[in-house]
Amino acid sequence: MDASFLILLAFFGVMYLLMIRPQQKRQREHQQMISSVTVGTDVVTIGGLHGTVTALDEDTVDLTVSADGTLLRFQRSAIAKVVSDDDESVGDTGEHYEGADGNEPGTSG
């Protein structure tokens, strides 16, 4: 065998160990996380929306994203992470935040 062929083979072996295998592991963990979501679970979508799961389908999930009951439907794959009770993420506390003008964001004063 040629030495350059062995170097090329070693290069692909290193690429597999450093890039492909960890990505497959992350993908498998994400799939397990998505399948473990149940009604009442607090989640964050890939777009950054925080919400509570209110209904599940095989491919979709319905989220309530605000106190007034706004309901949005997403693909299950759009769930980025499950928010646990010990996470202190903004948006899951139910508090109202004031904007720079002293009013709630989205209102004019």
Foldseek 3Di string as FASTA:
>chain_A
DDPVVVVVVVVVVVCCVPPVVVVVVVVVVLVVQLVPDDAQWWFAFLVGQIFGFHDDDPFKTWTQRAPVRDIDIDGSSRTDHTDDPPDPDPRPPNDFDADPVRHTPPDDD
